């Protein structure tokens, strides 16, 4: 079980920040196979170290397995860090952004330190003081997490992740629903914030700023002269979005769906529509479209054409 920790941490990182109340996580055979291969190599390395002989070739192979297993552990940590930080800039939930950094700094940093210490020890038992320091650090982590959960209340973890109640959507949602905010404002806006909100809506709806494929939360803030952290809070707390890409998809998918239903554009390639509404390529457009409508753009266009006038 200790050997599998870096691989499990990678899977945990993928699931934790994936808005899984809206997009369920399903481990595929590739995930499971990768973890099993890693555990197998690490297990073989462990036993080969325990049974080293004076045979030089066997010893070389054994040490090769040893270093390979630790190389893979560090690789899984890098994959986990990548999964945590990949959408950090697009994350609009401030508490969840802080949680990402805490997990990377404490959990990831601790695991990396343990791996490096084991590499330096080269399979030998750790000194007593190092074992004691390791145990004390784990106790402090568990104590801090327990105090936080008790003091913040039973719903604190969900609140930190910014999770909304899961909705059981069946079938394709109408285009009109994409044009409404997904949540009601949860606080009153000041005069400045109201002005910012009007500027934001004008830029996105009238000027169709979402057509820019390189639009980020930072460039949008610069365009509207709104500090990035305040713009992030405005979109999250007033409009109800938890991810900036989700906010952009709200507009892009709505326009794409309307154009796919338009008889006058029935011969226009789907790639052209995807590029014109703001996607850099066809793959992310197909993925976002299917996530909302449970249909590919081609299927959506075909069904729209078969509907009676």
C-alpha atoms as a PDB file:
ATOM      1  CA  UNK A   1       0.000   0.000   0.000  1.00  0.00           C
ATOM      2  CA  UNK A   2       2.893   2.373   0.751  1.00  0.00           C
ATOM      3  CA  UNK A   3       4.356   1.698  -2.690  1.00  0.00           C
ATOM      4  CA  UNK A   4       1.091   2.727  -4.389  1.00  0.00           C
ATOM      5  CA  UNK A   5       0.762   6.100  -2.579  1.00  0.00           C
ATOM      6  CA  UNK A   6       2.244   8.301  -5.377  1.00  0.00           C
ATOM      7  CA  UNK A   7      -0.002   6.652  -7.985  1.00  0.00           C
ATOM      8  CA  UNK A   8      -3.091   6.975  -5.776  1.00  0.00           C
ATOM      9  CA  UNK A   9      -2.169  10.606  -5.093  1.00  0.00           C
ATOM     10  CA  UNK A  10      -2.151  11.183  -8.865  1.00  0.00           C
ATOM     11  CA  UNK A  11      -5.664   9.709  -9.229  1.00  0.00           C
ATOM     12  CA  UNK A  12      -6.825  11.694  -6.192  1.00  0.00           C
ATOM     13  CA  UNK A  13      -5.508  14.954  -7.684  1.00  0.00           C
ATOM     14  CA  UNK A  14      -7.302  14.271 -10.967  1.00  0.00           C
ATOM     15  CA  UNK A  15     -10.615  13.679  -9.213  1.00  0.00           C
ATOM     16  CA  UNK A  16     -10.490  16.392  -6.548  1.00  0.00           C
ATOM     17  CA  UNK A  17     -10.461  19.412  -8.864  1.00  0.00           C
ATOM     18  CA  UNK A  18     -12.579  18.055 -11.689  1.00  0.00           C
ATOM     19  CA  UNK A  19     -15.976  19.439 -10.553  1.00  0.00           C
ATOM     20  CA  UNK A  20     -17.095  15.849 -10.144  1.00  0.00           C
ATOM     21  CA  UNK A  21     -20.591  16.811  -9.014  1.00  0.00           C
ATOM     22  CA  UNK A  22     -21.123  17.958 -12.617  1.00  0.00           C
ATOM     23  CA  UNK A  23     -18.709  15.690 -14.498  1.00  0.00           C
ATOM     24  CA  UNK A  24     -18.499  12.208 -12.957  1.00  0.00           C
ATOM     25  CA  UNK A  25     -15.060  10.613 -12.754  1.00  0.00           C
ATOM     26  CA  UNK A  26     -14.665   7.218 -14.365  1.00  0.00           C
ATOM     27  CA  UNK A  27     -11.347   5.450 -14.060  1.00  0.00           C
ATOM     28  CA  UNK A  28     -10.513   3.822 -17.370  1.00  0.00           C
ATOM     29  CA  UNK A  29      -8.430   0.728 -18.001  1.00  0.00           C
ATOM     30  CA  UNK A  30      -5.424   2.891 -18.908  1.00  0.00           C
ATOM     31  CA  UNK A  31      -5.410   4.479 -15.430  1.00  0.00           C
ATOM     32  CA  UNK A  32      -5.712   1.118 -13.695  1.00  0.00           C
ATOM     33  CA  UNK A  33      -3.116  -0.516 -15.954  1.00  0.00           C
ATOM     34  CA  UNK A  34      -0.600   2.288 -15.369  1.00  0.00           C
ATOM     35  CA  UNK A  35      -0.953   1.991 -11.591  1.00  0.00           C
ATOM     36  CA  UNK A  36      -0.660  -1.817 -11.673  1.00  0.00           C
ATOM     37  CA  UNK A  37       2.508  -1.705 -13.796  1.00  0.00           C
ATOM     38  CA  UNK A  38       4.017   0.851 -11.423  1.00  0.00           C
ATOM     39  CA  UNK A  39       3.162  -1.216  -8.331  1.00  0.00           C
ATOM     40  CA  UNK A  40       4.523  -4.356 -10.016  1.00  0.00           C
ATOM     41  CA  UNK A  41       7.873  -2.727 -10.816  1.00  0.00           C
ATOM     42  CA  UNK A  42       8.139  -1.259  -7.320  1.00  0.00           C
ATOM     43  CA  UNK A  43       7.260  -4.575  -5.705  1.00  0.00           C
ATOM     44  CA  UNK A  44       9.853  -6.393  -7.812  1.00  0.00           C
ATOM     45  CA  UNK A  45      12.402  -3.747  -6.833  1.00  0.00           C
ATOM     46  CA  UNK A  46      11.613  -4.212  -3.147  1.00  0.00           C
ATOM     47  CA  UNK A  47      12.059  -7.982  -3.189  1.00  0.00           C
ATOM     48  CA  UNK A  48      15.154  -7.864  -5.382  1.00  0.00           C
ATOM     49  CA  UNK A  49      16.777  -5.558  -2.835  1.00  0.00           C
ATOM     50  CA  UNK A  50      15.903  -8.027  -0.086  1.00  0.00           C
ATOM     51  CA  UNK A  51      17.482 -10.941  -1.950  1.00  0.00           C
ATOM     52  CA  UNK A  52      20.649  -9.403  -3.373  1.00  0.00           C
ATOM     53  CA  UNK A  53      23.351 -11.944  -4.140  1.00  0.00           C
ATOM     54  CA  UNK A  54      27.005 -11.640  -4.988  1.00  0.00           C
ATOM     55  CA  UNK A  55      26.170 -12.171  -8.659  1.00  0.00           C
ATOM     56  CA  UNK A  56      27.226  -8.921 -10.339  1.00  0.00           C
ATOM     57  CA  UNK A  57      24.664  -9.079 -13.164  1.00  0.00           C
ATOM     58  CA  UNK A  58      21.852  -9.779 -10.734  1.00  0.00           C
ATOM     59  CA  UNK A  59      22.995  -6.936  -8.539  1.00  0.00           C
ATOM     60  CA  UNK A  60      23.043  -4.511 -11.480  1.00  0.00           C
ATOM     61  CA  UNK A  61      19.544  -5.549 -12.549  1.00  0.00           C
ATOM     62  CA  UNK A  62      18.317  -5.211  -8.989  1.00  0.00           C
ATOM     63  CA  UNK A  63      19.657  -1.706  -8.583  1.00  0.00           C
ATOM     64  CA  UNK A  64      18.245  -0.771 -11.991  1.00  0.00           C
ATOM     65  CA  UNK A  65      14.797  -1.833 -10.786  1.00  0.00           C
ATOM     66  CA  UNK A  66      15.347   0.099  -7.581  1.00  0.00           C
ATOM     67  CA  UNK A  67      16.090   3.381  -9.355  1.00  0.00           C
ATOM     68  CA  UNK A  68      13.379   2.779 -11.960  1.00  0.00           C
ATOM     69  CA  UNK A  69      10.734   2.383  -9.255  1.00  0.00           C
ATOM     70  CA  UNK A  70      11.729   5.684  -7.633  1.00  0.00           C
ATOM     71  CA  UNK A  71      11.903   7.411 -10.995  1.00  0.00           C
ATOM     72  CA  UNK A  72       8.288   6.306 -11.550  1.00  0.00           C
ATOM     73  CA  UNK A  73       7.254   7.557  -8.106  1.00  0.00           C
ATOM     74  CA  UNK A  74       8.649  10.996  -8.860  1.00  0.00           C
ATOM     75  CA  UNK A  75       6.923  10.827 -12.255  1.00  0.00           C
ATOM     76  CA  UNK A  76       3.539  10.204 -10.618  1.00  0.00           C
ATOM     77  CA  UNK A  77       4.141  13.150  -8.289  1.00  0.00           C
ATOM     78  CA  UNK A  78       4.861  15.380 -11.286  1.00  0.00           C
ATOM     79  CA  UNK A  79       1.647  14.152 -12.954  1.00  0.00           C
ATOM     80  CA  UNK A  80      -0.271  14.897  -9.751  1.00  0.00           C
ATOM     81  CA  UNK A  81       1.201  18.408  -9.489  1.00  0.00           C
ATOM     82  CA  UNK A  82       0.292  18.981 -13.135  1.00  0.00           C
ATOM     83  CA  UNK A  83      -3.316  17.858 -12.531  1.00  0.00           C
ATOM     84  CA  UNK A  84      -3.601  20.175  -9.516  1.00  0.00           C
ATOM     85  CA  UNK A  85      -2.054  23.251 -11.103  1.00  0.00           C
ATOM     86  CA  UNK A  86      -3.241  22.795 -14.698  1.00  0.00           C
ATOM     87  CA  UNK A  87      -6.449  24.785 -14.260  1.00  0.00           C
ATOM     88  CA  UNK A  88      -5.330  26.823 -11.262  1.00  0.00           C
ATOM     89  CA  UNK A  89      -5.472  30.109 -13.197  1.00  0.00           C
ATOM     90  CA  UNK A  90      -8.961  29.320 -14.572  1.00  0.00           C
ATOM     91  CA  UNK A  91     -10.352  28.279 -11.162  1.00  0.00           C
ATOM     92  CA  UNK A  92     -12.779  30.957  -9.951  1.00  0.00           C
ATOM     93  CA  UNK A  93     -13.344  29.515  -6.443  1.00  0.00           C
ATOM     94  CA  UNK A  94     -10.832  31.326  -4.252  1.00  0.00           C
ATOM     95  CA  UNK A  95     -10.928  28.805  -1.393  1.00  0.00           C
ATOM     96  CA  UNK A  96     -10.334  25.960  -3.811  1.00  0.00           C
ATOM     97  CA  UNK A  97      -7.382  27.799  -5.365  1.00  0.00           C
ATOM     98  CA  UNK A  98      -5.828  28.042  -1.890  1.00  0.00           C
ATOM     99  CA  UNK A  99      -6.554  24.366  -1.271  1.00  0.00           C
ATOM    100  CA  UNK A 100      -4.662  23.465  -4.445  1.00  0.00           C
ATOM    101  CA  UNK A 101      -1.567  25.245  -3.204  1.00  0.00           C
ATOM    102  CA  UNK A 102      -1.834  23.703   0.274  1.00  0.00           C
ATOM    103  CA  UNK A 103      -2.040  20.192  -1.175  1.00  0.00           C
ATOM    104  CA  UNK A 104       0.890  20.805  -3.516  1.00  0.00           C
ATOM    105  CA  UNK A 105       3.026  22.431  -0.811  1.00  0.00           C
ATOM    106  CA  UNK A 106       2.328  20.138   2.149  1.00  0.00           C
ATOM    107  CA  UNK A 107       1.199  16.767   0.799  1.00  0.00           C
ATOM    108  CA  UNK A 108       3.204  16.781  -2.414  1.00  0.00           C
ATOM    109  CA  UNK A 109       6.245  18.330  -0.780  1.00  0.00           C
ATOM    110  CA  UNK A 110       6.154  15.782   2.040  1.00  0.00           C
ATOM    111  CA  UNK A 111       5.888  12.847  -0.370  1.00  0.00           C
ATOM    112  CA  UNK A 112       8.756  14.205  -2.451  1.00  0.00           C
ATOM    113  CA  UNK A 113      10.907  14.564   0.678  1.00  0.00           C
ATOM    114  CA  UNK A 114      10.162  10.951   1.694  1.00  0.00           C
ATOM    115  CA  UNK A 115      11.071   9.660  -1.781  1.00  0.00           C
ATOM    116  CA  UNK A 116      14.348  11.604  -1.803  1.00  0.00           C
ATOM    117  CA  UNK A 117      15.209  10.356   1.713  1.00  0.00           C
ATOM    118  CA  UNK A 118      14.571   6.738   0.679  1.00  0.00           C
ATOM    119  CA  UNK A 119      16.746   7.221  -2.391  1.00  0.00           C
ATOM    120  CA  UNK A 120      19.597   8.539  -0.252  1.00  0.00           C
ATOM    121  CA  UNK A 121      19.213   5.623   2.156  1.00  0.00           C
ATOM    122  CA  UNK A 122      19.344   3.178  -0.805  1.00  0.00           C
ATOM    123  CA  UNK A 123      17.022   0.663   0.801  1.00  0.00           C
ATOM    124  CA  UNK A 124      18.588   0.815   4.278  1.00  0.00           C
ATOM    125  CA  UNK A 125      16.501   1.400   7.421  1.00  0.00           C
ATOM    126  CA  UNK A 126      15.996   5.033   8.375  1.00  0.00           C
ATOM    127  CA  UNK A 127      17.692   6.415  11.519  1.00  0.00           C
ATOM    128  CA  UNK A 128      15.485   6.610  14.600  1.00  0.00           C
ATOM    129  CA  UNK A 129      15.434  10.422  14.636  1.00  0.00           C
ATOM    130  CA  UNK A 130      14.287  10.530  11.013  1.00  0.00           C
ATOM    131  CA  UNK A 131      11.513   8.017  11.726  1.00  0.00           C
ATOM    132  CA  UNK A 132      10.443  10.083  14.748  1.00  0.00           C
ATOM    133  CA  UNK A 133      10.406  13.321  12.733  1.00  0.00           C
ATOM    134  CA  UNK A 134       8.379  11.645  10.005  1.00  0.00           C
ATOM    135  CA  UNK A 135       5.801  10.377  12.509  1.00  0.00           C
ATOM    136  CA  UNK A 136       5.509  13.773  14.204  1.00  0.00           C
ATOM    137  CA  UNK A 137       4.964  15.513  10.859  1.00  0.00           C
ATOM    138  CA  UNK A 138       2.156  13.086   9.945  1.00  0.00           C
ATOM    139  CA  UNK A 139       0.526  13.643  13.354  1.00  0.00           C
ATOM    140  CA  UNK A 140       0.673  17.419  12.864  1.00  0.00           C
ATOM    141  CA  UNK A 141      -0.898  17.165   9.410  1.00  0.00           C
ATOM    142  CA  UNK A 142      -3.735  14.985  10.694  1.00  0.00           C
ATOM    143  CA  UNK A 143      -4.260  17.245  13.710  1.00  0.00           C
ATOM    144  CA  UNK A 144      -4.416  20.386  11.545  1.00  0.00           C
ATOM    145  CA  UNK A 145      -6.907  18.757   9.156  1.00  0.00           C
ATOM    146  CA  UNK A 146      -9.075  17.567  12.053  1.00  0.00           C
ATOM    147  CA  UNK A 147      -9.128  20.993  13.722  1.00  0.00           C
ATOM    148  CA  UNK A 148     -10.087  22.622  10.427  1.00  0.00           C
ATOM    149  CA  UNK A 149     -12.945  20.185   9.758  1.00  0.00           C
ATOM    150  CA  UNK A 150     -14.291  20.455  13.328  1.00  0.00           C
ATOM    151  CA  UNK A 151     -14.105  24.245  13.539  1.00  0.00           C
ATOM    152  CA  UNK A 152     -15.470  24.924  10.063  1.00  0.00           C
ATOM    153  CA  UNK A 153     -18.427  22.544  10.263  1.00  0.00           C
ATOM    154  CA  UNK A 154     -19.534  19.420   8.395  1.00  0.00           C
ATOM    155  CA  UNK A 155     -20.012  21.202   5.080  1.00  0.00           C
ATOM    156  CA  UNK A 156     -16.648  22.951   5.081  1.00  0.00           C
ATOM    157  CA  UNK A 157     -14.948  20.653   2.612  1.00  0.00           C
ATOM    158  CA  UNK A 158     -17.755  21.002   0.055  1.00  0.00           C
ATOM    159  CA  UNK A 159     -17.762  24.756   0.580  1.00  0.00           C
ATOM    160  CA  UNK A 160     -14.011  24.917   0.059  1.00  0.00           C
ATOM    161  CA  UNK A 161     -14.301  23.004  -3.194  1.00  0.00           C
ATOM    162  CA  UNK A 162     -17.172  25.263  -4.276  1.00  0.00           C
ATOM    163  CA  UNK A 163     -19.409  22.315  -5.012  1.00  0.00           C
ATOM    164  CA  UNK A 164     -22.989  22.892  -6.044  1.00  0.00           C
ATOM    165  CA  UNK A 165     -25.737  20.349  -5.698  1.00  0.00           C
ATOM    166  CA  UNK A 166     -25.509  17.761  -8.399  1.00  0.00           C
ATOM    167  CA  UNK A 167     -28.149  18.051 -11.057  1.00  0.00           C
ATOM    168  CA  UNK A 168     -29.528  15.038 -12.865  1.00  0.00           C
ATOM    169  CA  UNK A 169     -29.799  16.336 -16.401  1.00  0.00           C
ATOM    170  CA  UNK A 170     -31.180  13.918 -18.929  1.00  0.00           C
ATOM    171  CA  UNK A 171     -31.060  14.500 -22.647  1.00  0.00           C
ATOM    172  CA  UNK A 172     -29.984  17.648 -24.414  1.00  0.00           C
ATOM    173  CA  UNK A 173     -30.544  20.985 -22.762  1.00  0.00           C
ATOM    174  CA  UNK A 174     -32.225  23.700 -24.818  1.00  0.00           C
ATOM    175  CA  UNK A 175     -30.051  26.501 -26.133  1.00  0.00           C
ATOM    176  CA  UNK A 176     -32.078  29.075 -24.221  1.00  0.00           C
ATOM    177  CA  UNK A 177     -30.900  27.622 -20.902  1.00  0.00           C
ATOM    178  CA  UNK A 178     -27.311  28.387 -21.878  1.00  0.00           C
ATOM    179  CA  UNK A 179     -28.078  32.081 -22.071  1.00  0.00           C
ATOM    180  CA  UNK A 180     -29.165  32.410 -18.445  1.00  0.00           C
ATOM    181  CA  UNK A 181     -26.812  32.600 -15.455  1.00  0.00           C
ATOM    182  CA  UNK A 182     -26.519  29.201 -13.785  1.00  0.00           C
ATOM    183  CA  UNK A 183     -26.998  30.606 -10.319  1.00  0.00           C
ATOM    184  CA  UNK A 184     -28.696  33.516  -8.583  1.00  0.00           C
ATOM    185  CA  UNK A 185     -26.525  36.250  -7.064  1.00  0.00           C
ATOM    186  CA  UNK A 186     -25.601  35.291  -3.504  1.00  0.00           C
ATOM    187  CA  UNK A 187     -24.728  38.809  -2.345  1.00  0.00           C
ATOM    188  CA  UNK A 188     -25.519  42.420  -3.153  1.00  0.00           C
ATOM    189  CA  UNK A 189     -23.265  44.257  -5.545  1.00  0.00           C
ATOM    190  CA  UNK A 190     -21.794  47.663  -4.893  1.00  0.00           C
ATOM    191  CA  UNK A 191     -21.964  50.454  -7.446  1.00  0.00           C
ATOM    192  CA  UNK A 192     -18.498  49.711  -8.810  1.00  0.00           C
ATOM    193  CA  UNK A 193     -19.220  45.996  -9.102  1.00  0.00           C
ATOM    194  CA  UNK A 194     -22.486  46.706 -10.918  1.00  0.00           C
ATOM    195  CA  UNK A 195     -20.566  48.816 -13.428  1.00  0.00           C
ATOM    196  CA  UNK A 196     -18.023  46.058 -13.851  1.00  0.00           C
ATOM    197  CA  UNK A 197     -20.768  43.498 -14.379  1.00  0.00           C
ATOM    198  CA  UNK A 198     -22.396  45.648 -17.074  1.00  0.00           C
ATOM    199  CA  UNK A 199     -19.046  46.093 -18.816  1.00  0.00           C
ATOM    200  CA  UNK A 200     -18.398  42.348 -18.623  1.00  0.00           C
ATOM    201  CA  UNK A 201     -21.803  41.424 -20.046  1.00  0.00           C
ATOM    202  CA  UNK A 202     -21.504  44.037 -22.784  1.00  0.00           C
ATOM    203  CA  UNK A 203     -18.081  42.765 -23.795  1.00  0.00           C
ATOM    204  CA  UNK A 204     -19.139  39.127 -23.806  1.00  0.00           C
ATOM    205  CA  UNK A 205     -22.627  39.487 -25.313  1.00  0.00           C
ATOM    206  CA  UNK A 206     -22.495  42.563 -27.557  1.00  0.00           C
ATOM    207  CA  UNK A 207     -18.834  42.533 -28.579  1.00  0.00           C
ATOM    208  CA  UNK A 208     -18.656  38.721 -28.421  1.00  0.00           C
ATOM    209  CA  UNK A 209     -15.299  38.803 -26.688  1.00  0.00           C
ATOM    210  CA  UNK A 210     -15.492  35.040 -26.192  1.00  0.00           C
ATOM    211  CA  UNK A 211     -14.580  34.678 -29.897  1.00  0.00           C
ATOM    212  CA  UNK A 212     -10.954  35.251 -28.902  1.00  0.00           C
ATOM    213  CA  UNK A 213      -9.396  31.803 -28.603  1.00  0.00           C
ATOM    214  CA  UNK A 214      -6.589  33.210 -26.441  1.00  0.00           C
ATOM    215  CA  UNK A 215      -8.923  34.881 -23.936  1.00  0.00           C
ATOM    216  CA  UNK A 216      -7.885  34.236 -20.320  1.00  0.00           C
ATOM    217  CA  UNK A 217      -9.103  35.600 -17.015  1.00  0.00           C
ATOM    218  CA  UNK A 218      -5.997  37.796 -16.922  1.00  0.00           C
ATOM    219  CA  UNK A 219      -6.396  39.235 -20.420  1.00  0.00           C
ATOM    220  CA  UNK A 220     -10.111  39.781 -19.814  1.00  0.00           C
ATOM    221  CA  UNK A 221      -9.312  41.724 -16.653  1.00  0.00           C
ATOM    222  CA  UNK A 222      -6.812  43.869 -18.569  1.00  0.00           C
ATOM    223  CA  UNK A 223      -9.342  44.451 -21.368  1.00  0.00           C
ATOM    224  CA  UNK A 224     -11.993  45.677 -18.919  1.00  0.00           C
ATOM    225  CA  UNK A 225      -9.550  47.347 -16.476  1.00  0.00           C
ATOM    226  CA  UNK A 226     -10.772  45.108 -13.651  1.00  0.00           C
ATOM    227  CA  UNK A 227      -8.267  43.554 -11.179  1.00  0.00           C
ATOM    228  CA  UNK A 228      -8.018  39.849 -11.906  1.00  0.00           C
ATOM    229  CA  UNK A 229      -8.896  38.644  -8.386  1.00  0.00           C
ATOM    230  CA  UNK A 230     -11.978  40.890  -8.286  1.00  0.00           C
ATOM    231  CA  UNK A 231     -13.092  39.770 -11.745  1.00  0.00           C
ATOM    232  CA  UNK A 232     -12.674  36.152 -10.648  1.00  0.00           C
ATOM    233  CA  UNK A 233     -14.820  36.798  -7.578  1.00  0.00           C
ATOM    234  CA  UNK A 234     -17.463  38.625  -9.633  1.00  0.00           C
ATOM    235  CA  UNK A 235     -17.890  35.757 -12.107  1.00  0.00           C
ATOM    236  CA  UNK A 236     -17.898  33.151  -9.348  1.00  0.00           C
ATOM    237  CA  UNK A 237     -19.996  34.744  -6.621  1.00  0.00           C
ATOM    238  CA  UNK A 238     -22.473  36.661  -8.762  1.00  0.00           C
ATOM    239  CA  UNK A 239     -22.805  34.631 -11.960  1.00  0.00           C
ATOM    240  CA  UNK A 240     -22.245  31.258 -10.297  1.00  0.00           C
ATOM    241  CA  UNK A 241     -19.407  29.868 -12.432  1.00  0.00           C
ATOM    242  CA  UNK A 242     -16.584  27.913 -10.791  1.00  0.00           C
ATOM    243  CA  UNK A 243     -14.242  27.717 -13.750  1.00  0.00           C
ATOM    244  CA  UNK A 244     -13.347  30.326 -16.354  1.00  0.00           C
ATOM    245  CA  UNK A 245     -13.483  27.817 -19.207  1.00  0.00           C
ATOM    246  CA  UNK A 246     -16.979  26.880 -18.071  1.00  0.00           C
ATOM    247  CA  UNK A 247     -17.937  30.558 -18.279  1.00  0.00           C
ATOM    248  CA  UNK A 248     -16.553  30.865 -21.825  1.00  0.00           C
ATOM    249  CA  UNK A 249     -18.226  27.625 -22.900  1.00  0.00           C
ATOM    250  CA  UNK A 250     -21.548  29.068 -21.750  1.00  0.00           C
ATOM    251  CA  UNK A 251     -21.392  31.580 -24.602  1.00  0.00           C
ATOM    252  CA  UNK A 252     -19.459  29.560 -27.158  1.00  0.00           C
ATOM    253  CA  UNK A 253     -21.653  26.450 -26.991  1.00  0.00           C
ATOM    254  CA  UNK A 254     -24.841  28.538 -27.124  1.00  0.00           C
ATOM    255  CA  UNK A 255     -23.744  30.249 -30.337  1.00  0.00           C
ATOM    256  CA  UNK A 256     -22.435  27.019 -31.845  1.00  0.00           C
ATOM    257  CA  UNK A 257     -25.701  25.200 -31.119  1.00  0.00           C
ATOM    258  CA  UNK A 258     -27.725  28.010 -32.696  1.00  0.00           C
ATOM    259  CA  UNK A 259     -25.557  27.922 -35.817  1.00  0.00           C
ATOM    260  CA  UNK A 260     -25.825  24.144 -36.053  1.00  0.00           C
ATOM    261  CA  UNK A 261     -29.614  24.505 -36.025  1.00  0.00           C
ATOM    262  CA  UNK A 262     -29.546  27.206 -38.708  1.00  0.00           C
ATOM    263  CA  UNK A 263     -30.621  25.758 -42.056  1.00  0.00           C
ATOM    264  CA  UNK A 264     -28.706  28.468 -43.884  1.00  0.00           C
ATOM    265  CA  UNK A 265     -25.456  27.174 -42.346  1.00  0.00           C
ATOM    266  CA  UNK A 266     -26.095  23.464 -42.763  1.00  0.00           C
ATOM    267  CA  UNK A 267     -23.167  23.103 -45.216  1.00  0.00           C
ATOM    268  CA  UNK A 268     -20.759  25.115 -43.097  1.00  0.00           C
ATOM    269  CA  UNK A 269     -18.067  22.770 -41.696  1.00  0.00           C
ATOM    270  CA  UNK A 270     -18.236  22.134 -37.965  1.00  0.00           C
ATOM    271  CA  UNK A 271     -14.543  23.011 -37.689  1.00  0.00           C
ATOM    272  CA  UNK A 272     -15.269  26.480 -39.072  1.00  0.00           C
ATOM    273  CA  UNK A 273     -18.004  27.015 -36.493  1.00  0.00           C
ATOM    274  CA  UNK A 274     -15.725  25.833 -33.698  1.00  0.00           C
ATOM    275  CA  UNK A 275     -12.944  28.226 -34.722  1.00  0.00           C
ATOM    276  CA  UNK A 276     -15.296  31.166 -35.200  1.00  0.00           C
ATOM    277  CA  UNK A 277     -16.909  30.825 -31.755  1.00  0.00           C
ATOM    278  CA  UNK A 278     -13.501  30.853 -30.050  1.00  0.00           C
ATOM    279  CA  UNK A 279     -12.040  27.350 -29.908  1.00  0.00           C
ATOM    280  CA  UNK A 280      -8.461  26.820 -31.019  1.00  0.00           C
ATOM    281  CA  UNK A 281      -9.204  23.386 -32.462  1.00  0.00           C
ATOM    282  CA  UNK A 282     -11.983  20.865 -32.969  1.00  0.00           C
ATOM    283  CA  UNK A 283     -11.126  18.532 -30.083  1.00  0.00           C
ATOM    284  CA  UNK A 284     -11.909  20.868 -27.138  1.00  0.00           C
ATOM    285  CA  UNK A 285     -15.053  22.035 -28.933  1.00  0.00           C
ATOM    286  CA  UNK A 286     -16.326  18.477 -29.383  1.00  0.00           C
ATOM    287  CA  UNK A 287     -15.526  17.669 -25.760  1.00  0.00           C
ATOM    288  CA  UNK A 288     -17.292  20.751 -24.370  1.00  0.00           C
ATOM    289  CA  UNK A 289     -20.289  20.350 -26.688  1.00  0.00           C
ATOM    290  CA  UNK A 290     -20.810  16.701 -25.799  1.00  0.00           C
ATOM    291  CA  UNK A 291     -20.401  17.426 -22.075  1.00  0.00           C
ATOM    292  CA  UNK A 292     -23.378  19.791 -22.272  1.00  0.00           C
ATOM    293  CA  UNK A 293     -25.691  18.146 -24.793  1.00  0.00           C
ATOM    294  CA  UNK A 294     -24.614  14.481 -24.440  1.00  0.00           C
ATOM    295  CA  UNK A 295     -24.362  14.568 -28.254  1.00  0.00           C
ATOM    296  CA  UNK A 296     -21.600  15.334 -30.695  1.00  0.00           C
ATOM    297  CA  UNK A 297     -22.013  18.451 -32.864  1.00  0.00           C
ATOM    298  CA  UNK A 298     -22.673  16.226 -35.893  1.00  0.00           C
ATOM    299  CA  UNK A 299     -25.421  14.337 -34.074  1.00  0.00           C
ATOM    300  CA  UNK A 300     -26.927  17.591 -32.815  1.00  0.00           C
ATOM    301  CA  UNK A 301     -27.009  19.075 -36.337  1.00  0.00           C
ATOM    302  CA  UNK A 302     -28.530  15.898 -37.795  1.00  0.00           C
ATOM    303  CA  UNK A 303     -31.274  15.728 -35.160  1.00  0.00           C
ATOM    304  CA  UNK A 304     -31.989  19.442 -35.506  1.00  0.00           C
ATOM    305  CA  UNK A 305     -32.444  19.015 -39.273  1.00  0.00           C
ATOM    306  CA  UNK A 306     -34.881  16.128 -38.759  1.00  0.00           C
ATOM    307  CA  UNK A 307     -37.121  18.058 -36.379  1.00  0.00           C
ATOM    308  CA  UNK A 308     -40.362  19.389 -37.913  1.00  0.00           C
ATOM    309  CA  UNK A 309     -40.630  23.100 -38.552  1.00  0.00           C
END
